[in-house]
Amino acid sequence: PDFVRFIADKQVRSLAQAQQYLMHGPMASYAAN
């Protein structure tokens, strides 16, 4: 709840969505930056 309140609701509700978040968020940033 504090993540959603203070950062954002990323709309990640399943393990598959969490994997997509990792691939298109942190992991994509490692590759790009």
PDB file of all heavy atoms in Angstrom:
ATOM      1  N   PRO A   1       0.800  -1.234   0.000  1.00  0.00           N
ATOM      2  CA  PRO A   1       0.000   0.000   0.000  1.00  0.00           C
ATOM      3  C   PRO A   1       0.830   1.281   0.000  1.00  0.00           C
ATOM      4  O   PRO A   1       0.447   2.260  -0.649  1.00  0.00           O
ATOM      5  CB  PRO A   1      -0.843  -0.125   1.274  1.00  0.00           C
ATOM      6  CG  PRO A   1      -0.960  -1.599   1.504  1.00  0.00           C
ATOM      7  CD  PRO A   1       0.350  -2.177   1.036  1.00  0.00           C
ATOM      8  N   ASP A   2       1.956   1.312   0.686  1.00  0.00           N
ATOM      9  CA  ASP A   2       2.795   2.511   0.681  1.00  0.00           C
ATOM     10  C   ASP A   2       3.468   2.728  -0.675  1.00  0.00           C
ATOM     11  O   ASP A   2       3.659   3.870  -1.095  1.00  0.00           O
ATOM     12  CB  ASP A   2       3.840   2.460   1.794  1.00  0.00           C
ATOM     13  CG  ASP A   2       3.234   2.714   3.165  1.00  0.00           C
ATOM     14  OD1 ASP A   2       2.174   3.375   3.246  1.00  0.00           O
ATOM     15  OD2 ASP A   2       3.816   2.243   4.155  1.00  0.00           O
ATOM     16  N   PHE A   3       3.829   1.646  -1.367  1.00  0.00           N
ATOM     17  CA  PHE A   3       4.385   1.780  -2.714  1.00  0.00           C
ATOM     18  C   PHE A   3       3.340   2.417  -3.623  1.00  0.00           C
ATOM     19  O   PHE A   3       3.619   3.383  -4.341  1.00  0.00           O
ATOM     20  CB  PHE A   3       4.821   0.422  -3.269  1.00  0.00           C
ATOM     21  CG  PHE A   3       5.570   0.514  -4.567  1.00  0.00           C
ATOM     22  CD1 PHE A   3       6.950   0.432  -4.583  1.00  0.00           C
ATOM     23  CD2 PHE A   3       4.907   0.692  -5.776  1.00  0.00           C
ATOM     24  CE1 PHE A   3       7.667   0.529  -5.780  1.00  0.00           C
ATOM     25  CE2 PHE A   3       5.602   0.794  -6.974  1.00  0.00           C
ATOM     26  CZ  PHE A   3       6.980   0.707  -6.969  1.00  0.00           C
ATOM     27  N   VAL A   4       2.129   1.891  -3.572  1.00  0.00           N
ATOM     28  CA  VAL A   4       1.054   2.404  -4.419  1.00  0.00           C
ATOM     29  C   VAL A   4       0.758   3.867  -4.063  1.00  0.00           C
ATOM     30  O   VAL A   4       0.593   4.709  -4.949  1.00  0.00           O
ATOM     31  CB  VAL A   4      -0.208   1.526  -4.287  1.00  0.00           C
ATOM     32  CG1 VAL A   4      -1.390   2.148  -5.006  1.00  0.00           C
ATOM     33  CG2 VAL A   4       0.078   0.120  -4.814  1.00  0.00           C
ATOM     34  N   ARG A   5       0.736   4.183  -2.777  1.00  0.00           N
ATOM     35  CA  ARG A   5       0.400   5.542  -2.333  1.00  0.00           C
ATOM     36  C   ARG A   5       1.475   6.564  -2.690  1.00  0.00           C
ATOM     37  O   ARG A   5       1.179   7.643  -3.193  1.00  0.00           O
ATOM     38  CB  ARG A   5       0.175   5.544  -0.823  1.00  0.00           C
ATOM     39  CG  ARG A   5      -0.081   6.919  -0.252  1.00  0.00           C
ATOM     40  CD  ARG A   5      -0.290   6.880   1.246  1.00  0.00           C
ATOM     41  NE  ARG A   5      -0.394   8.228   1.765  1.00  0.00           N
ATOM     42  CZ  ARG A   5      -0.074   8.564   2.987  1.00  0.00           C
ATOM     43  NH1 ARG A   5       0.343   7.645   3.841  1.00  0.00           N
ATOM     44  NH2 ARG A   5      -0.183   9.806   3.395  1.00  0.00           N
ATOM     45  N   PHE A   6       2.731   6.244  -2.401  1.00  0.00           N
ATOM     46  CA  PHE A   6       3.791   7.230  -2.521  1.00  0.00           C
ATOM     47  C   PHE A   6       4.589   7.169  -3.826  1.00  0.00           C
ATOM     48  O   PHE A   6       5.260   8.129  -4.181  1.00  0.00           O
ATOM     49  CB  PHE A   6       4.771   7.116  -1.350  1.00  0.00           C
ATOM     50  CG  PHE A   6       4.194   7.563  -0.040  1.00  0.00           C
ATOM     51  CD1 PHE A   6       4.171   6.713   1.042  1.00  0.00           C
ATOM     52  CD2 PHE A   6       3.672   8.838   0.121  1.00  0.00           C
ATOM     53  CE1 PHE A   6       3.652   7.121   2.265  1.00  0.00           C
ATOM     54  CE2 PHE A   6       3.151   9.266   1.327  1.00  0.00           C
ATOM     55  CZ  PHE A   6       3.140   8.410   2.403  1.00  0.00           C
ATOM     56  N   ILE A   7       4.558   6.034  -4.515  1.00  0.00           N
ATOM     57  CA  ILE A   7       5.346   5.912  -5.745  1.00  0.00           C
ATOM     58  C   ILE A   7       4.404   5.830  -6.943  1.00  0.00           C
ATOM     59  O   ILE A   7       4.310   6.765  -7.713  1.00  0.00           O
ATOM     60  CB  ILE A   7       6.317   4.712  -5.668  1.00  0.00           C
ATOM     61  CG1 ILE A   7       7.292   4.928  -4.494  1.00  0.00           C
ATOM     62  CG2 ILE A   7       7.065   4.549  -6.985  1.00  0.00           C
ATOM     63  CD1 ILE A   7       8.185   3.766  -4.181  1.00  0.00           C
ATOM     64  N   ALA A   8       3.726   4.719  -7.109  1.00  0.00           N
ATOM     65  CA  ALA A   8       2.786   4.566  -8.224  1.00  0.00           C
ATOM     66  C   ALA A   8       2.116   3.209  -8.142  1.00  0.00           C
ATOM     67  O   ALA A   8       2.671   2.268  -7.587  1.00  0.00           O
ATOM     68  CB  ALA A   8       3.508   4.685  -9.561  1.00  0.00           C
ATOM     69  N   ASP A   9       0.937   3.129  -8.721  1.00  0.00           N
ATOM     70  CA  ASP A   9       0.297   1.836  -8.914  1.00  0.00           C
ATOM     71  C   ASP A   9       0.722   1.355 -10.290  1.00  0.00           C
ATOM     72  O   ASP A   9       0.250   1.854 -11.306  1.00  0.00           O
ATOM     73  CB  ASP A   9      -1.219   1.956  -8.822  1.00  0.00           C
ATOM     74  CG  ASP A   9      -1.920   0.618  -8.920  1.00  0.00           C
ATOM     75  OD1 ASP A   9      -1.253  -0.398  -9.216  1.00  0.00           O
ATOM     76  OD2 ASP A   9      -3.139   0.583  -8.700  1.00  0.00           O
ATOM     77  N   LYS A  10       1.629   0.408 -10.322  1.00  0.00           N
ATOM     78  CA  LYS A  10       2.176  -0.103 -11.578  1.00  0.00           C
ATOM     79  C   LYS A  10       1.225  -1.080 -12.279  1.00  0.00           C
ATOM     80  O   LYS A  10       1.554  -1.580 -13.351  1.00  0.00           O
ATOM     81  CB  LYS A  10       3.527  -0.788 -11.328  1.00  0.00           C
ATOM     82  CG  LYS A  10       4.589   0.138 -10.740  1.00  0.00           C
ATOM     83  CD  LYS A  10       5.040   1.163 -11.731  1.00  0.00           C
ATOM     84  CE  LYS A  10       6.213   1.958 -11.198  1.00  0.00           C
ATOM     85  NZ  LYS A  10       6.686   2.951 -12.161  1.00  0.00           N
ATOM     86  N   GLN A  11       0.075  -1.368 -11.647  1.00  0.00           N
ATOM     87  CA  GLN A  11      -0.909  -2.292 -12.227  1.00  0.00           C
ATOM     88  C   GLN A  11      -0.321  -3.675 -12.477  1.00  0.00           C
ATOM     89  O   GLN A  11      -0.655  -4.345 -13.447  1.00  0.00           O
ATOM     90  CB  GLN A  11      -1.496  -1.708 -13.525  1.00  0.00           C
ATOM     91  CG  GLN A  11      -2.224  -0.388 -13.343  1.00  0.00           C
ATOM     92  CD  GLN A  11      -3.495  -0.521 -12.529  1.00  0.00           C
ATOM     93  OE1 GLN A  11      -4.300  -1.420 -12.755  1.00  0.00           O
ATOM     94  NE2 GLN A  11      -3.678   0.357 -11.550  1.00  0.00           N
ATOM     95  N   VAL A  12       0.559  -4.106 -11.591  1.00  0.00           N
ATOM     96  CA  VAL A  12       1.170  -5.434 -11.667  1.00  0.00           C
ATOM     97  C   VAL A  12       0.431  -6.318 -10.674  1.00  0.00           C
ATOM     98  O   VAL A  12       0.533  -6.115  -9.463  1.00  0.00           O
ATOM     99  CB  VAL A  12       2.676  -5.363 -11.346  1.00  0.00           C
ATOM    100  CG1 VAL A  12       3.275  -6.756 -11.237  1.00  0.00           C
ATOM    101  CG2 VAL A  12       3.397  -4.542 -12.403  1.00  0.00           C
ATOM    102  N   ARG A  13      -0.331  -7.283 -11.180  1.00  0.00           N
ATOM    103  CA  ARG A  13      -1.188  -8.099 -10.316  1.00  0.00           C
ATOM    104  C   ARG A  13      -0.931  -9.597 -10.416  1.00  0.00           C
ATOM    105  O   ARG A  13      -1.578 -10.383  -9.730  1.00  0.00           O
ATOM    106  CB  ARG A  13      -2.658  -7.833 -10.634  1.00  0.00           C
ATOM    107  CG  ARG A  13      -3.088  -6.381 -10.539  1.00  0.00           C
ATOM    108  CD  ARG A  13      -3.062  -5.860  -9.104  1.00  0.00           C
ATOM    109  NE  ARG A  13      -3.606  -4.515  -9.042  1.00  0.00           N
ATOM    110  CZ  ARG A  13      -2.883  -3.409  -8.924  1.00  0.00           C
ATOM    111  NH1 ARG A  13      -1.572  -3.488  -8.848  1.00  0.00           N
ATOM    112  NH2 ARG A  13      -3.455  -2.229  -8.883  1.00  0.00           N
ATOM    113  N   SER A  14      -0.003  -9.997 -11.269  1.00  0.00           N
ATOM    114  CA  SER A  14       0.283 -11.429 -11.444  1.00  0.00           C
ATOM    115  C   SER A  14       1.789 -11.626 -11.593  1.00  0.00           C
ATOM    116  O   SER A  14       2.533 -10.676 -11.855  1.00  0.00           O
ATOM    117  CB  SER A  14      -0.430 -11.963 -12.696  1.00  0.00           C
ATOM    118  OG  SER A  14       0.167 -11.425 -13.861  1.00  0.00           O
ATOM    119  N   LEU A  15       2.216 -12.875 -11.442  1.00  0.00           N
ATOM    120  CA  LEU A  15       3.633 -13.179 -11.637  1.00  0.00           C
ATOM    121  C   LEU A  15       4.079 -12.855 -13.062  1.00  0.00           C
ATOM    122  O   LEU A  15       5.178 -12.340 -13.268  1.00  0.00           O
ATOM    123  CB  LEU A  15       3.913 -14.648 -11.322  1.00  0.00           C
ATOM    124  CG  LEU A  15       3.932 -15.012  -9.843  1.00  0.00           C
ATOM    125  CD1 LEU A  15       4.156 -16.513  -9.669  1.00  0.00           C
ATOM    126  CD2 LEU A  15       5.013 -14.234  -9.110  1.00  0.00           C
ATOM    127  N   ALA A  16       3.236 -13.134 -14.031  1.00  0.00           N
ATOM    128  CA  ALA A  16       3.584 -12.826 -15.421  1.00  0.00           C
ATOM    129  C   ALA A  16       3.770 -11.320 -15.602  1.00  0.00           C
ATOM    130  O   ALA A  16       4.703 -10.873 -16.286  1.00  0.00           O
ATOM    131  CB  ALA A  16       2.516 -13.355 -16.372  1.00  0.00           C
ATOM    132  N   GLN A  17       2.901 -10.520 -14.978  1.00  0.00           N
ATOM    133  CA  GLN A  17       3.042  -9.065 -15.070  1.00  0.00           C
ATOM    134  C   GLN A  17       4.293  -8.589 -14.334  1.00  0.00           C
ATOM    135  O   GLN A  17       4.951  -7.644 -14.776  1.00  0.00           O
ATOM    136  CB  GLN A  17       1.797  -8.373 -14.523  1.00  0.00           C
ATOM    137  CG  GLN A  17       0.582  -8.533 -15.411  1.00  0.00           C
ATOM    138  CD  GLN A  17      -0.676  -7.993 -14.767  1.00  0.00           C
ATOM    139  OE1 GLN A  17      -0.855  -8.052 -13.550  1.00  0.00           O
ATOM    140  NE2 GLN A  17      -1.575  -7.464 -15.589  1.00  0.00           N
ATOM    141  N   ALA A  18       4.633  -9.236 -13.236  1.00  0.00           N
ATOM    142  CA  ALA A  18       5.854  -8.877 -12.510  1.00  0.00           C
ATOM    143  C   ALA A  18       7.080  -9.177 -13.364  1.00  0.00           C
ATOM    144  O   ALA A  18       8.041  -8.399 -13.392  1.00  0.00           O
ATOM    145  CB  ALA A  18       5.924  -9.616 -11.169  1.00  0.00           C
ATOM    146  N   GLN A  19       7.068 -10.283 -14.084  1.00  0.00           N
ATOM    147  CA  GLN A  19       8.176 -10.601 -14.986  1.00  0.00           C
ATOM    148  C   GLN A  19       8.267  -9.571 -16.109  1.00  0.00           C
ATOM    149  O   GLN A  19       9.362  -9.129 -16.472  1.00  0.00           O
ATOM    150  CB  GLN A  19       8.021 -12.014 -15.555  1.00  0.00           C
ATOM    151  CG  GLN A  19       8.267 -13.092 -14.527  1.00  0.00           C
ATOM    152  CD  GLN A  19       8.026 -14.486 -15.078  1.00  0.00           C
ATOM    153  OE1 GLN A  19       7.228 -14.689 -15.984  1.00  0.00           O
ATOM    154  NE2 GLN A  19       8.727 -15.454 -14.513  1.00  0.00           N
ATOM    155  N   GLN A  20       7.114  -9.168 -16.644  1.00  0.00           N
ATOM    156  CA  GLN A  20       7.102  -8.139 -17.684  1.00  0.00           C
ATOM    157  C   GLN A  20       7.645  -6.816 -17.132  1.00  0.00           C
ATOM    158  O   GLN A  20       8.422  -6.129 -17.804  1.00  0.00           O
ATOM    159  CB  GLN A  20       5.681  -7.934 -18.227  1.00  0.00           C
ATOM    160  CG  GLN A  20       5.179  -9.078 -19.073  1.00  0.00           C
ATOM    161  CD  GLN A  20       6.000  -9.253 -20.334  1.00  0.00           C
ATOM    162  OE1 GLN A  20       6.267  -8.295 -21.067  1.00  0.00           O
ATOM    163  NE2 GLN A  20       6.423 -10.484 -20.610  1.00  0.00           N
ATOM    164  N   TYR A  21       7.250  -6.468 -15.916  1.00  0.00           N
ATOM    165  CA  TYR A  21       7.769  -5.256 -15.268  1.00  0.00           C
ATOM    166  C   TYR A  21       9.296  -5.327 -15.178  1.00  0.00           C
ATOM    167  O   TYR A  21       9.985  -4.357 -15.505  1.00  0.00           O
ATOM    168  CB  TYR A  21       7.157  -5.080 -13.878  1.00  0.00           C
ATOM    169  CG  TYR A  21       7.874  -4.030 -13.056  1.00  0.00           C
ATOM    170  CD1 TYR A  21       7.578  -2.681 -13.203  1.00  0.00           C
ATOM    171  CD2 TYR A  21       8.880  -4.387 -12.159  1.00  0.00           C
ATOM    172  CE1 TYR A  21       8.262  -1.713 -12.478  1.00  0.00           C
ATOM    173  CE2 TYR A  21       9.569  -3.430 -11.431  1.00  0.00           C
ATOM    174  CZ  TYR A  21       9.256  -2.097 -11.599  1.00  0.00           C
ATOM    175  OH  TYR A  21       9.941  -1.145 -10.886  1.00  0.00           O
ATOM    176  N   LEU A  22       9.815  -6.461 -14.736  1.00  0.00           N
ATOM    177  CA  LEU A  22      11.268  -6.607 -14.618  1.00  0.00           C
ATOM    178  C   LEU A  22      11.955  -6.488 -15.976  1.00  0.00           C
ATOM    179  O   LEU A  22      12.976  -5.805 -16.104  1.00  0.00           O
ATOM    180  CB  LEU A  22      11.618  -7.942 -13.960  1.00  0.00           C
ATOM    181  CG  LEU A  22      11.326  -8.032 -12.460  1.00  0.00           C
ATOM    182  CD1 LEU A  22      11.466  -9.461 -11.971  1.00  0.00           C
ATOM    183  CD2 LEU A  22      12.232  -7.092 -11.683  1.00  0.00           C
ATOM    184  N   MET A  23      11.401  -7.151 -16.991  1.00  0.00           N
ATOM    185  CA  MET A  23      12.030  -7.127 -18.313  1.00  0.00           C
ATOM    186  C   MET A  23      11.999  -5.741 -18.945  1.00  0.00           C
ATOM    187  O   MET A  23      12.981  -5.321 -19.561  1.00  0.00           O
ATOM    188  CB  MET A  23      11.355  -8.143 -19.245  1.00  0.00           C
ATOM    189  CG  MET A  23      11.710  -9.580 -18.901  1.00  0.00           C
ATOM    190  SD  MET A  23      11.116 -10.774 -20.126  1.00  0.00           S
ATOM    191  CE  MET A  23       9.355 -10.656 -19.925  1.00  0.00           C
ATOM    192  N   HIS A  24      10.877  -5.040 -18.798  1.00  0.00           N
ATOM    193  CA  HIS A  24      10.719  -3.749 -19.468  1.00  0.00           C
ATOM    194  C   HIS A  24      11.096  -2.566 -18.580  1.00  0.00           C
ATOM    195  O   HIS A  24      11.139  -1.435 -19.062  1.00  0.00           O
ATOM    196  CB  HIS A  24       9.282  -3.597 -19.972  1.00  0.00           C
ATOM    197  CG  HIS A  24       8.927  -4.628 -20.984  1.00  0.00           C
ATOM    198  ND1 HIS A  24       9.444  -4.639 -22.261  1.00  0.00           N
ATOM    199  CD2 HIS A  24       8.130  -5.724 -20.891  1.00  0.00           C
ATOM    200  CE1 HIS A  24       8.971  -5.674 -22.916  1.00  0.00           C
ATOM    201  NE2 HIS A  24       8.182  -6.359 -22.111  1.00  0.00           N
ATOM    202  N   GLY A  25      11.380  -2.821 -17.308  1.00  0.00           N
ATOM    203  CA  GLY A  25      11.797  -1.779 -16.377  1.00  0.00           C
ATOM    204  C   GLY A  25      13.261  -1.932 -16.025  1.00  0.00           C
ATOM    205  O   GLY A  25      14.142  -1.520 -16.788  1.00  0.00           O
ATOM    206  N   PRO A  26      13.559  -2.540 -14.871  1.00  0.00           N
ATOM    207  CA  PRO A  26      14.949  -2.648 -14.443  1.00  0.00           C
ATOM    208  C   PRO A  26      15.885  -3.305 -15.456  1.00  0.00           C
ATOM    209  O   PRO A  26      16.966  -2.774 -15.739  1.00  0.00           O
ATOM    210  CB  PRO A  26      14.856  -3.481 -13.153  1.00  0.00           C
ATOM    211  CG  PRO A  26      13.501  -3.166 -12.614  1.00  0.00           C
ATOM    212  CD  PRO A  26      12.630  -3.026 -13.832  1.00  0.00           C
ATOM    213  N   MET A  27      15.502  -4.437 -16.030  1.00  0.00           N
ATOM    214  CA  MET A  27      16.406  -5.147 -16.946  1.00  0.00           C
ATOM    215  C   MET A  27      16.644  -4.349 -18.226  1.00  0.00           C
ATOM    216  O   MET A  27      17.776  -4.324 -18.745  1.00  0.00           O
ATOM    217  CB  MET A  27      15.865  -6.539 -17.257  1.00  0.00           C
ATOM    218  CG  MET A  27      15.836  -7.439 -16.047  1.00  0.00           C
ATOM    219  SD  MET A  27      14.903  -8.941 -16.392  1.00  0.00           S
ATOM    220  CE  MET A  27      15.900 -10.115 -15.504  1.00  0.00           C
ATOM    221  N   ALA A  28      15.622  -3.679 -18.730  1.00  0.00           N
ATOM    222  CA  ALA A  28      15.797  -2.828 -19.910  1.00  0.00           C
ATOM    223  C   ALA A  28      16.720  -1.657 -19.585  1.00  0.00           C
ATOM    224  O   ALA A  28      17.540  -1.253 -20.416  1.00  0.00           O
ATOM    225  CB  ALA A  28      14.449  -2.330 -20.410  1.00  0.00           C
ATOM    226  N   SER A  29      16.612  -1.128 -18.367  1.00  0.00           N
ATOM    227  CA  SER A  29      17.486  -0.028 -17.958  1.00  0.00           C
ATOM    228  C   SER A  29      18.943  -0.480 -17.852  1.00  0.00           C
ATOM    229  O   SER A  29      19.860   0.269 -18.229  1.00  0.00           O
ATOM    230  CB  SER A  29      17.017   0.557 -16.622  1.00  0.00           C
ATOM    231  OG  SER A  29      17.819   1.659 -16.253  1.00  0.00           O
ATOM    232  N   TYR A  30      19.172  -1.702 -17.353  1.00  0.00           N
ATOM    233  CA  TYR A  30      20.552  -2.209 -17.292  1.00  0.00           C
ATOM    234  C   TYR A  30      21.159  -2.212 -18.696  1.00  0.00           C
ATOM    235  O   TYR A  30      22.308  -1.807 -18.887  1.00  0.00           O
ATOM    236  CB  TYR A  30      20.629  -3.631 -16.733  1.00  0.00           C
ATOM    237  CG  TYR A  30      19.952  -3.893 -15.413  1.00  0.00           C
ATOM    238  CD1 TYR A  30      19.447  -5.154 -15.129  1.00  0.00           C
ATOM    239  CD2 TYR A  30      19.830  -2.911 -14.448  1.00  0.00           C
ATOM    240  CE1 TYR A  30      18.832  -5.430 -13.928  1.00  0.00           C
ATOM    241  CE2 TYR A  30      19.206  -3.174 -13.233  1.00  0.00           C
ATOM    242  CZ  TYR A  30      18.701  -4.434 -12.978  1.00  0.00           C
ATOM    243  OH  TYR A  30      18.082  -4.706 -11.782  1.00  0.00           O
ATOM    244  N   ALA A  31      20.379  -2.695 -19.667  1.00  0.00           N
ATOM    245  CA  ALA A  31      20.878  -2.800 -21.036  1.00  0.00           C
ATOM    246  C   ALA A  31      21.091  -1.420 -21.663  1.00  0.00           C
ATOM    247  O   ALA A  31      22.088  -1.195 -22.346  1.00  0.00           O
ATOM    248  CB  ALA A  31      19.905  -3.621 -21.883  1.00  0.00           C
ATOM    249  N   ALA A  32      20.174  -0.494 -21.420  1.00  0.00           N
ATOM    250  CA  ALA A  32      20.250   0.823 -22.050  1.00  0.00           C
ATOM    251  C   ALA A  32      21.227   1.768 -21.354  1.00  0.00           C
ATOM    252  O   ALA A  32      21.904   2.552 -22.015  1.00  0.00           O
ATOM    253  CB  ALA A  32      18.860   1.459 -22.069  1.00  0.00           C
ATOM    254  N   ASN A  33      21.289   1.700 -20.014  1.00  0.00           N
ATOM    255  CA  ASN A  33      22.038   2.700 -19.248  1.00  0.00           C
ATOM    256  C   ASN A  33      23.227   2.153 -18.470  1.00  0.00           C
ATOM    257  O   ASN A  33      24.048   2.919 -17.988  1.00  0.00           O
ATOM    258  CB  ASN A  33      21.105   3.399 -18.252  1.00  0.00           C
ATOM    259  CG  ASN A  33      19.911   4.029 -18.922  1.00  0.00           C
ATOM    260  OD1 ASN A  33      20.050   4.793 -19.860  1.00  0.00           O
ATOM    261  ND2 ASN A  33      18.712   3.688 -18.457  1.00  0.00           N
TER     262      ASN A  33
END
